[in-house]
């Protein structure tokens, strides 16, 4: 902690809570350097199904991930999301 850090304003806005916060945290993990973290995030996002529709662009980027398991998990998550959206119609 620097000398002037104590005078900086603290962010008064609390982090979001609830399912959107969980999804946001998982989407952030899709950019992690560790392929195991990205893979786990894909699987967990896919399990959220239609609730995770906003994660589609981030998952699309992982379709060409250097790790083949991550590519497959991203495709499966996309498929789960799209199937869940289609059944709601």
PDB file of N, CA and C in Angstrom:
ATOM      1  N   UNK A   1       0.840  -1.163   0.000  1.00  0.00           N
ATOM      2  CA  UNK A   1       0.000   0.000   0.000  1.00  0.00           C
ATOM      3  C   UNK A   1       0.889   1.230   0.000  1.00  0.00           C
ATOM      4  N   UNK A   2       0.665   2.111  -0.985  1.00  0.00           N
ATOM      5  CA  UNK A   2       1.456   3.321  -1.093  1.00  0.00           C
ATOM      6  C   UNK A   2       0.970   4.393  -0.144  1.00  0.00           C
ATOM      7  N   UNK A   3       1.737   5.454  -0.050  1.00  0.00           N
ATOM      8  CA  UNK A   3       1.431   6.544   0.858  1.00  0.00           C
ATOM      9  C   UNK A   3       0.068   7.168   0.578  1.00  0.00           C
ATOM     10  N   UNK A   4      -0.288   7.342  -0.709  1.00  0.00           N
ATOM     11  CA  UNK A   4      -1.528   8.025  -1.050  1.00  0.00           C
ATOM     12  C   UNK A   4      -2.697   7.072  -1.288  1.00  0.00           C
ATOM     13  N   UNK A   5      -2.479   5.782  -1.199  1.00  0.00           N
ATOM     14  CA  UNK A   5      -3.554   4.814  -1.418  1.00  0.00           C
ATOM     15  C   UNK A   5      -4.694   4.967  -0.419  1.00  0.00           C
ATOM     16  N   UNK A   6      -4.379   5.431   0.781  1.00  0.00           N
ATOM     17  CA  UNK A   6      -5.427   5.561   1.789  1.00  0.00           C
ATOM     18  C   UNK A   6      -6.396   6.696   1.462  1.00  0.00           C
ATOM     19  N   UNK A   7      -6.010   7.592   0.547  1.00  0.00           N
ATOM     20  CA  UNK A   7      -6.867   8.719   0.195  1.00  0.00           C
ATOM     21  C   UNK A   7      -7.708   8.453  -1.049  1.00  0.00           C
ATOM     22  N   UNK A   8      -7.447   7.349  -1.710  1.00  0.00           N
ATOM     23  CA  UNK A   8      -8.228   7.014  -2.900  1.00  0.00           C
ATOM     24  C   UNK A   8      -9.641   6.636  -2.497  1.00  0.00           C
ATOM     25  N   UNK A   9     -10.584   7.037  -3.336  1.00  0.00           N
ATOM     26  CA  UNK A   9     -11.974   6.675  -3.079  1.00  0.00           C
ATOM     27  C   UNK A   9     -12.171   5.192  -3.337  1.00  0.00           C
ATOM     28  N   UNK A  10     -12.912   4.582  -2.487  1.00  0.00           N
ATOM     29  CA  UNK A  10     -13.275   3.177  -2.669  1.00  0.00           C
ATOM     30  C   UNK A  10     -14.457   3.121  -3.617  1.00  0.00           C
ATOM     31  N   UNK A  11     -14.513   2.077  -4.414  1.00  0.00           N
ATOM     32  CA  UNK A  11     -15.641   1.885  -5.316  1.00  0.00           C
ATOM     33  C   UNK A  11     -16.871   1.563  -4.478  1.00  0.00           C
ATOM     34  N   UNK A  12     -17.855   2.436  -4.521  1.00  0.00           N
ATOM     35  CA  UNK A  12     -19.054   2.273  -3.706  1.00  0.00           C
ATOM     36  C   UNK A  12     -20.043   1.290  -4.308  1.00  0.00           C
ATOM     37  N   UNK A  13     -19.848   0.929  -5.576  1.00  0.00           N
ATOM     38  CA  UNK A  13     -20.770   0.029  -6.241  1.00  0.00           C
ATOM     39  C   UNK A  13     -20.397  -1.415  -5.918  1.00  0.00           C
ATOM     40  N   UNK A  14     -21.272  -2.139  -5.253  1.00  0.00           N
ATOM     41  CA  UNK A  14     -20.955  -3.534  -4.954  1.00  0.00           C
ATOM     42  C   UNK A  14     -20.998  -4.376  -6.228  1.00  0.00           C
ATOM     43  N   UNK A  15     -20.269  -5.471  -6.261  1.00  0.00           N
ATOM     44  CA  UNK A  15     -20.324  -6.336  -7.436  1.00  0.00           C
ATOM     45  C   UNK A  15     -21.720  -6.918  -7.597  1.00  0.00           C
ATOM     46  N   UNK A  16     -22.129  -7.192  -8.825  1.00  0.00           N
ATOM     47  CA  UNK A  16     -23.474  -7.743  -9.019  1.00  0.00           C
ATOM     48  C   UNK A  16     -23.610  -9.105  -8.347  1.00  0.00           C
ATOM     49  N   UNK A  17     -24.810  -9.392  -7.917  1.00  0.00           N
ATOM     50  CA  UNK A  17     -25.069 -10.671  -7.248  1.00  0.00           C
ATOM     51  C   UNK A  17     -26.082 -11.456  -8.056  1.00  0.00           C
ATOM     52  N   UNK A  18     -26.154 -12.738  -7.804  1.00  0.00           N
ATOM     53  CA  UNK A  18     -27.150 -13.570  -8.468  1.00  0.00           C
ATOM     54  C   UNK A  18     -26.611 -14.281  -9.687  1.00  0.00           C
ATOM     55  N   UNK A  19     -27.524 -14.844 -10.492  1.00  0.00           N
ATOM     56  CA  UNK A  19     -27.124 -15.656 -11.636  1.00  0.00           C
ATOM     57  C   UNK A  19     -26.308 -14.882 -12.670  1.00  0.00           C
ATOM     58  N   UNK A  20     -26.612 -13.581 -12.856  1.00  0.00           N
ATOM     59  CA  UNK A  20     -25.850 -12.799 -13.829  1.00  0.00           C
ATOM     60  C   UNK A  20     -24.396 -12.650 -13.396  1.00  0.00           C
ATOM     61  N   UNK A  21     -24.169 -12.541 -12.101  1.00  0.00           N
ATOM     62  CA  UNK A  21     -22.810 -12.444 -11.580  1.00  0.00           C
ATOM     63  C   UNK A  21     -22.059 -13.751 -11.824  1.00  0.00           C
ATOM     64  N   UNK A  22     -22.740 -14.854 -11.627  1.00  0.00           N
ATOM     65  CA  UNK A  22     -22.120 -16.163 -11.858  1.00  0.00           C
ATOM     66  C   UNK A  22     -21.745 -16.305 -13.322  1.00  0.00           C
ATOM     67  N   UNK A  23     -22.648 -15.936 -14.215  1.00  0.00           N
ATOM     68  CA  UNK A  23     -22.370 -16.033 -15.642  1.00  0.00           C
ATOM     69  C   UNK A  23     -21.227 -15.102 -16.033  1.00  0.00           C
ATOM     70  N   UNK A  24     -21.224 -13.895 -15.504  1.00  0.00           N
ATOM     71  CA  UNK A  24     -20.146 -12.944 -15.809  1.00  0.00           C
ATOM     72  C   UNK A  24     -18.794 -13.485 -15.370  1.00  0.00           C
ATOM     73  N   UNK A  25     -18.764 -14.094 -14.204  1.00  0.00           N
ATOM     74  CA  UNK A  25     -17.511 -14.664 -13.699  1.00  0.00           C
ATOM     75  C   UNK A  25     -17.044 -15.814 -14.592  1.00  0.00           C
ATOM     76  N   UNK A  26     -17.980 -16.635 -15.041  1.00  0.00           N
ATOM     77  CA  UNK A  26     -17.616 -17.747 -15.916  1.00  0.00           C
ATOM     78  C   UNK A  26     -17.131 -17.259 -17.281  1.00  0.00           C
ATOM     79  N   UNK A  27     -17.778 -16.242 -17.822  1.00  0.00           N
ATOM     80  CA  UNK A  27     -17.357 -15.689 -19.115  1.00  0.00           C
ATOM     81  C   UNK A  27     -15.939 -15.132 -18.992  1.00  0.00           C
ATOM     82  N   UNK A  28     -15.630 -14.498 -17.873  1.00  0.00           N
ATOM     83  CA  UNK A  28     -14.274 -13.984 -17.655  1.00  0.00           C
ATOM     84  C   UNK A  28     -13.259 -15.126 -17.645  1.00  0.00           C
ATOM     85  N   UNK A  29     -13.650 -16.279 -17.099  1.00  0.00           N
ATOM     86  CA  UNK A  29     -12.745 -17.429 -17.044  1.00  0.00           C
ATOM     87  C   UNK A  29     -12.485 -18.029 -18.426  1.00  0.00           C
ATOM     88  N   UNK A  30     -13.328 -17.715 -19.402  1.00  0.00           N
ATOM     89  CA  UNK A  30     -13.100 -18.235 -20.755  1.00  0.00           C
ATOM     90  C   UNK A  30     -11.846 -17.663 -21.373  1.00  0.00           C
ATOM     91  N   UNK A  31     -11.304 -16.592 -20.809  1.00  0.00           N
ATOM     92  CA  UNK A  31     -10.082 -15.969 -21.318  1.00  0.00           C
ATOM     93  C   UNK A  31      -8.851 -16.337 -20.487  1.00  0.00           C
ATOM     94  N   UNK A  32      -9.017 -17.229 -19.528  1.00  0.00           N
ATOM     95  CA  UNK A  32      -7.916 -17.639 -18.663  1.00  0.00           C
ATOM     96  C   UNK A  32      -6.820 -18.335 -19.470  1.00  0.00           C
ATOM     97  N   UNK A  33      -5.591 -18.191 -19.049  1.00  0.00           N
ATOM     98  CA  UNK A  33      -4.462 -18.827 -19.738  1.00  0.00           C
ATOM     99  C   UNK A  33      -4.475 -20.354 -19.587  1.00  0.00           C
ATOM    100  N   UNK A  34      -5.062 -20.848 -18.516  1.00  0.00           N
ATOM    101  CA  UNK A  34      -5.088 -22.287 -18.245  1.00  0.00           C
ATOM    102  C   UNK A  34      -6.254 -22.946 -18.984  1.00  0.00           C
ATOM    103  N   UNK A  35      -5.966 -23.898 -19.883  1.00  0.00           N
ATOM    104  CA  UNK A  35      -7.046 -24.552 -20.623  1.00  0.00           C
ATOM    105  C   UNK A  35      -8.030 -25.297 -19.725  1.00  0.00           C
ATOM    106  N   UNK A  36      -7.577 -25.783 -18.573  1.00  0.00           N
ATOM    107  CA  UNK A  36      -8.484 -26.484 -17.660  1.00  0.00           C
ATOM    108  C   UNK A  36      -9.538 -25.527 -17.101  1.00  0.00           C
ATOM    109  N   UNK A  37      -9.141 -24.289 -16.855  1.00  0.00           N
ATOM    110  CA  UNK A  37     -10.076 -23.278 -16.352  1.00  0.00           C
ATOM    111  C   UNK A  37     -11.089 -22.941 -17.446  1.00  0.00           C
ATOM    112  N   UNK A  38     -10.602 -22.774 -18.680  1.00  0.00           N
ATOM    113  CA  UNK A  38     -11.505 -22.483 -19.799  1.00  0.00           C
ATOM    114  C   UNK A  38     -12.474 -23.638 -20.033  1.00  0.00           C
ATOM    115  N   UNK A  39     -11.965 -24.858 -19.955  1.00  0.00           N
ATOM    116  CA  UNK A  39     -12.795 -26.047 -20.148  1.00  0.00           C
ATOM    117  C   UNK A  39     -13.890 -26.115 -19.092  1.00  0.00           C
ATOM    118  N   UNK A  40     -13.531 -25.920 -17.827  1.00  0.00           N
ATOM    119  CA  UNK A  40     -14.509 -25.954 -16.737  1.00  0.00           C
ATOM    120  C   UNK A  40     -15.563 -24.864 -16.932  1.00  0.00           C
ATOM    121  N   UNK A  41     -15.138 -23.684 -17.342  1.00  0.00           N
ATOM    122  CA  UNK A  41     -16.082 -22.586 -17.559  1.00  0.00           C
ATOM    123  C   UNK A  41     -17.060 -22.937 -18.677  1.00  0.00           C
ATOM    124  N   UNK A  42     -16.572 -23.550 -19.748  1.00  0.00           N
ATOM    125  CA  UNK A  42     -17.458 -23.958 -20.851  1.00  0.00           C
ATOM    126  C   UNK A  42     -18.508 -24.942 -20.372  1.00  0.00           C
ATOM    127  N   UNK A  43     -18.082 -25.924 -19.616  1.00  0.00           N
ATOM    128  CA  UNK A  43     -19.005 -26.954 -19.112  1.00  0.00           C
ATOM    129  C   UNK A  43     -20.064 -26.323 -18.204  1.00  0.00           C
ATOM    130  N   UNK A  44     -19.629 -25.442 -17.322  1.00  0.00           N
ATOM    131  CA  UNK A  44     -20.571 -24.809 -16.392  1.00  0.00           C
ATOM    132  C   UNK A  44     -21.525 -23.858 -17.102  1.00  0.00           C
ATOM    133  N   UNK A  45     -21.029 -23.163 -18.126  1.00  0.00           N
ATOM    134  CA  UNK A  45     -21.898 -22.281 -18.904  1.00  0.00           C
ATOM    135  C   UNK A  45     -22.925 -23.114 -19.669  1.00  0.00           C
ATOM    136  N   UNK A  46     -22.495 -24.206 -20.262  1.00  0.00           N
ATOM    137  CA  UNK A  46     -23.414 -25.076 -20.987  1.00  0.00           C
ATOM    138  C   UNK A  46     -24.521 -25.609 -20.097  1.00  0.00           C
ATOM    139  N   UNK A  47     -24.192 -25.872 -18.840  1.00  0.00           N
ATOM    140  CA  UNK A  47     -25.188 -26.384 -17.897  1.00  0.00           C
ATOM    141  C   UNK A  47     -26.245 -25.328 -17.554  1.00  0.00           C
ATOM    142  N   UNK A  48     -25.919 -24.071 -17.770  1.00  0.00           N
ATOM    143  CA  UNK A  48     -26.878 -22.992 -17.493  1.00  0.00           C
ATOM    144  C   UNK A  48     -27.926 -22.871 -18.601  1.00  0.00           C
ATOM    145  N   UNK A  49     -27.661 -23.480 -19.728  1.00  0.00           N
ATOM    146  CA  UNK A  49     -28.563 -23.534 -20.879  1.00  0.00           C
ATOM    147  C   UNK A  49     -29.033 -22.151 -21.304  1.00  0.00           C
ATOM    148  N   UNK A  50     -30.334 -21.923 -21.424  1.00  0.00           N
ATOM    149  CA  UNK A  50     -30.863 -20.671 -21.980  1.00  0.00           C
ATOM    150  C   UNK A  50     -30.454 -19.448 -21.158  1.00  0.00           C
ATOM    151  N   UNK A  51     -30.233 -19.625 -19.867  1.00  0.00           N
ATOM    152  CA  UNK A  51     -29.792 -18.502 -19.023  1.00  0.00           C
ATOM    153  C   UNK A  51     -28.453 -17.945 -19.479  1.00  0.00           C
ATOM    154  N   UNK A  52     -27.669 -18.758 -20.195  1.00  0.00           N
ATOM    155  CA  UNK A  52     -26.326 -18.360 -20.611  1.00  0.00           C
ATOM    156  C   UNK A  52     -26.280 -17.849 -22.050  1.00  0.00           C
ATOM    157  N   UNK A  53     -27.415 -17.477 -22.604  1.00  0.00           N
ATOM    158  CA  UNK A  53     -27.460 -17.040 -24.003  1.00  0.00           C
ATOM    159  C   UNK A  53     -26.511 -15.882 -24.283  1.00  0.00           C
ATOM    160  N   UNK A  54     -26.314 -15.009 -23.325  1.00  0.00           N
ATOM    161  CA  UNK A  54     -25.430 -13.856 -23.549  1.00  0.00           C
ATOM    162  C   UNK A  54     -23.952 -14.250 -23.648  1.00  0.00           C
ATOM    163  N   UNK A  55     -23.623 -15.489 -23.301  1.00  0.00           N
ATOM    164  CA  UNK A  55     -22.238 -15.962 -23.372  1.00  0.00           C
ATOM    165  C   UNK A  55     -21.876 -16.497 -24.753  1.00  0.00           C
ATOM    166  N   UNK A  56     -22.841 -16.536 -25.668  1.00  0.00           N
ATOM    167  CA  UNK A  56     -22.583 -17.120 -26.989  1.00  0.00           C
ATOM    168  C   UNK A  56     -21.404 -16.493 -27.717  1.00  0.00           C
ATOM    169  N   UNK A  57     -21.258 -15.174 -27.767  1.00  0.00           N
ATOM    170  CA  UNK A  57     -20.100 -14.609 -28.486  1.00  0.00           C
ATOM    171  C   UNK A  57     -18.758 -15.065 -27.905  1.00  0.00           C
ATOM    172  N   UNK A  58     -18.665 -15.139 -26.587  1.00  0.00           N
ATOM    173  CA  UNK A  58     -17.424 -15.580 -25.955  1.00  0.00           C
ATOM    174  C   UNK A  58     -17.153 -17.050 -26.256  1.00  0.00           C
ATOM    175  N   UNK A  59     -18.199 -17.864 -26.292  1.00  0.00           N
ATOM    176  CA  UNK A  59     -18.028 -19.281 -26.616  1.00  0.00           C
ATOM    177  C   UNK A  59     -17.619 -19.458 -28.071  1.00  0.00           C
ATOM    178  N   UNK A  60     -18.171 -18.635 -28.957  1.00  0.00           N
ATOM    179  CA  UNK A  60     -17.823 -18.727 -30.382  1.00  0.00           C
ATOM    180  C   UNK A  60     -16.331 -18.506 -30.600  1.00  0.00           C
ATOM    181  N   UNK A  61     -15.741 -17.620 -29.811  1.00  0.00           N
ATOM    182  CA  UNK A  61     -14.298 -17.376 -29.913  1.00  0.00           C
ATOM    183  C   UNK A  61     -13.489 -18.616 -29.550  1.00  0.00           C
ATOM    184  N   UNK A  62     -14.017 -19.433 -28.654  1.00  0.00           N
ATOM    185  CA  UNK A  62     -13.284 -20.620 -28.206  1.00  0.00           C
ATOM    186  C   UNK A  62     -13.421 -21.806 -29.149  1.00  0.00           C
ATOM    187  N   UNK A  63     -14.236 -21.682 -30.162  1.00  0.00           N
ATOM    188  CA  UNK A  63     -14.372 -22.778 -31.126  1.00  0.00           C
ATOM    189  C   UNK A  63     -13.031 -23.031 -31.819  1.00  0.00           C
ATOM    190  N   UNK A  64     -12.177 -22.013 -31.868  1.00  0.00           N
ATOM    191  CA  UNK A  64     -10.850 -22.172 -32.493  1.00  0.00           C
ATOM    192  C   UNK A  64      -9.734 -22.132 -31.449  1.00  0.00           C
ATOM    193  N   UNK A  65     -10.040 -22.489 -30.215  1.00  0.00           N
ATOM    194  CA  UNK A  65      -9.045 -22.511 -29.147  1.00  0.00           C
ATOM    195  C   UNK A  65      -7.931 -23.500 -29.488  1.00  0.00           C
ATOM    196  N   UNK A  66      -6.690 -23.212 -29.106  1.00  0.00           N
ATOM    197  CA  UNK A  66      -5.584 -24.145 -29.367  1.00  0.00           C
ATOM    198  C   UNK A  66      -5.758 -25.513 -28.695  1.00  0.00           C
ATOM    199  N   UNK A  67      -6.514 -25.555 -27.606  1.00  0.00           N
ATOM    200  CA  UNK A  67      -6.743 -26.821 -26.908  1.00  0.00           C
ATOM    201  C   UNK A  67      -8.012 -27.473 -27.460  1.00  0.00           C
ATOM    202  N   UNK A  68      -7.872 -28.652 -28.003  1.00  0.00           N
ATOM    203  CA  UNK A  68      -8.998 -29.349 -28.622  1.00  0.00           C
ATOM    204  C   UNK A  68     -10.142 -29.644 -27.669  1.00  0.00           C
ATOM    205  N   UNK A  69      -9.817 -29.953 -26.425  1.00  0.00           N
ATOM    206  CA  UNK A  69     -10.871 -30.226 -25.442  1.00  0.00           C
ATOM    207  C   UNK A  69     -11.701 -28.978 -25.163  1.00  0.00           C
ATOM    208  N   UNK A  70     -11.045 -27.822 -25.150  1.00  0.00           N
ATOM    209  CA  UNK A  70     -11.758 -26.563 -24.938  1.00  0.00           C
ATOM    210  C   UNK A  70     -12.666 -26.280 -26.133  1.00  0.00           C
ATOM    211  N   UNK A  71     -12.158 -26.536 -27.357  1.00  0.00           N
ATOM    212  CA  UNK A  71     -12.982 -26.350 -28.559  1.00  0.00           C
ATOM    213  C   UNK A  71     -14.252 -27.183 -28.473  1.00  0.00           C
ATOM    214  N   UNK A  72     -14.096 -28.432 -28.110  1.00  0.00           N
ATOM    215  CA  UNK A  72     -15.234 -29.339 -28.014  1.00  0.00           C
ATOM    216  C   UNK A  72     -16.207 -28.888 -26.925  1.00  0.00           C
ATOM    217  N   UNK A  73     -15.683 -28.490 -25.770  1.00  0.00           N
ATOM    218  CA  UNK A  73     -16.541 -28.042 -24.674  1.00  0.00           C
ATOM    219  C   UNK A  73     -17.296 -26.766 -25.050  1.00  0.00           C
ATOM    220  N   UNK A  74     -16.641 -25.869 -25.775  1.00  0.00           N
ATOM    221  CA  UNK A  74     -17.311 -24.637 -26.215  1.00  0.00           C
ATOM    222  C   UNK A  74     -18.430 -24.964 -27.191  1.00  0.00           C
ATOM    223  N   UNK A  75     -18.171 -25.891 -28.122  1.00  0.00           N
ATOM    224  CA  UNK A  75     -19.199 -26.288 -29.083  1.00  0.00           C
ATOM    225  C   UNK A  75     -20.375 -26.959 -28.379  1.00  0.00           C
ATOM    226  N   UNK A  76     -20.086 -27.808 -27.395  1.00  0.00           N
ATOM    227  CA  UNK A  76     -21.156 -28.473 -26.644  1.00  0.00           C
ATOM    228  C   UNK A  76     -21.970 -27.462 -25.837  1.00  0.00           C
ATOM    229  N   UNK A  77     -21.304 -26.464 -25.262  1.00  0.00           N
ATOM    230  CA  UNK A  77     -22.015 -25.434 -24.505  1.00  0.00           C
ATOM    231  C   UNK A  77     -22.921 -24.628 -25.433  1.00  0.00           C
ATOM    232  N   UNK A  78     -22.397 -24.268 -26.601  1.00  0.00           N
ATOM    233  CA  UNK A  78     -23.207 -23.544 -27.585  1.00  0.00           C
ATOM    234  C   UNK A  78     -24.433 -24.362 -27.980  1.00  0.00           C
ATOM    235  N   UNK A  79     -24.217 -25.642 -28.212  1.00  0.00           N
ATOM    236  CA  UNK A  79     -25.309 -26.526 -28.599  1.00  0.00           C
ATOM    237  C   UNK A  79     -26.367 -26.605 -27.502  1.00  0.00           C
ATOM    238  N   UNK A  80     -25.941 -26.721 -26.252  1.00  0.00           N
ATOM    239  CA  UNK A  80     -26.886 -26.792 -25.129  1.00  0.00           C
ATOM    240  C   UNK A  80     -27.700 -25.505 -25.019  1.00  0.00           C
ATOM    241  N   UNK A  81     -27.034 -24.382 -25.206  1.00  0.00           N
ATOM    242  CA  UNK A  81     -27.722 -23.086 -25.133  1.00  0.00           C
ATOM    243  C   UNK A  81     -28.735 -22.974 -26.262  1.00  0.00           C
ATOM    244  N   UNK A  82     -28.320 -23.289 -27.479  1.00  0.00           N
ATOM    245  CA  UNK A  82     -29.207 -23.149 -28.635  1.00  0.00           C
ATOM    246  C   UNK A  82     -30.400 -24.103 -28.551  1.00  0.00           C
ATOM    247  N   UNK A  83     -30.172 -25.332 -28.090  1.00  0.00           N
ATOM    248  CA  UNK A  83     -31.281 -26.283 -27.931  1.00  0.00           C
ATOM    249  C   UNK A  83     -32.276 -25.768 -26.907  1.00  0.00           C
ATOM    250  N   UNK A  84     -31.767 -25.212 -25.815  1.00  0.00           N
ATOM    251  CA  UNK A  84     -32.657 -24.714 -24.762  1.00  0.00           C
ATOM    252  C   UNK A  84     -33.453 -23.503 -25.253  1.00  0.00           C
ATOM    253  N   UNK A  85     -32.828 -22.657 -26.033  1.00  0.00           N
ATOM    254  CA  UNK A  85     -33.535 -21.491 -26.580  1.00  0.00           C
ATOM    255  C   UNK A  85     -34.591 -21.948 -27.557  1.00  0.00           C
ATOM    256  N   UNK A  86     -34.252 -22.920 -28.380  1.00  0.00           N
ATOM    257  CA  UNK A  86     -35.181 -23.407 -29.424  1.00  0.00           C
ATOM    258  C   UNK A  86     -36.402 -24.074 -28.798  1.00  0.00           C
ATOM    259  N   UNK A  87     -36.233 -24.766 -27.683  1.00  0.00           N
ATOM    260  CA  UNK A  87     -37.367 -25.443 -27.056  1.00  0.00           C
ATOM    261  C   UNK A  87     -38.305 -24.465 -26.344  1.00  0.00           C
ATOM    262  N   UNK A  88     -37.821 -23.249 -26.080  1.00  0.00           N
ATOM    263  CA  UNK A  88     -38.668 -22.242 -25.437  1.00  0.00           C
ATOM    264  C   UNK A  88     -39.645 -21.615 -26.432  1.00  0.00           C
ATOM    265  N   UNK A  89     -39.387 -21.746 -27.705  1.00  0.00           N
ATOM    266  CA  UNK A  89     -40.259 -21.124 -28.717  1.00  0.00           C
ATOM    267  C   UNK A  89     -41.516 -21.898 -28.905  1.00  0.00           C
TER     268      UNK A  89
END
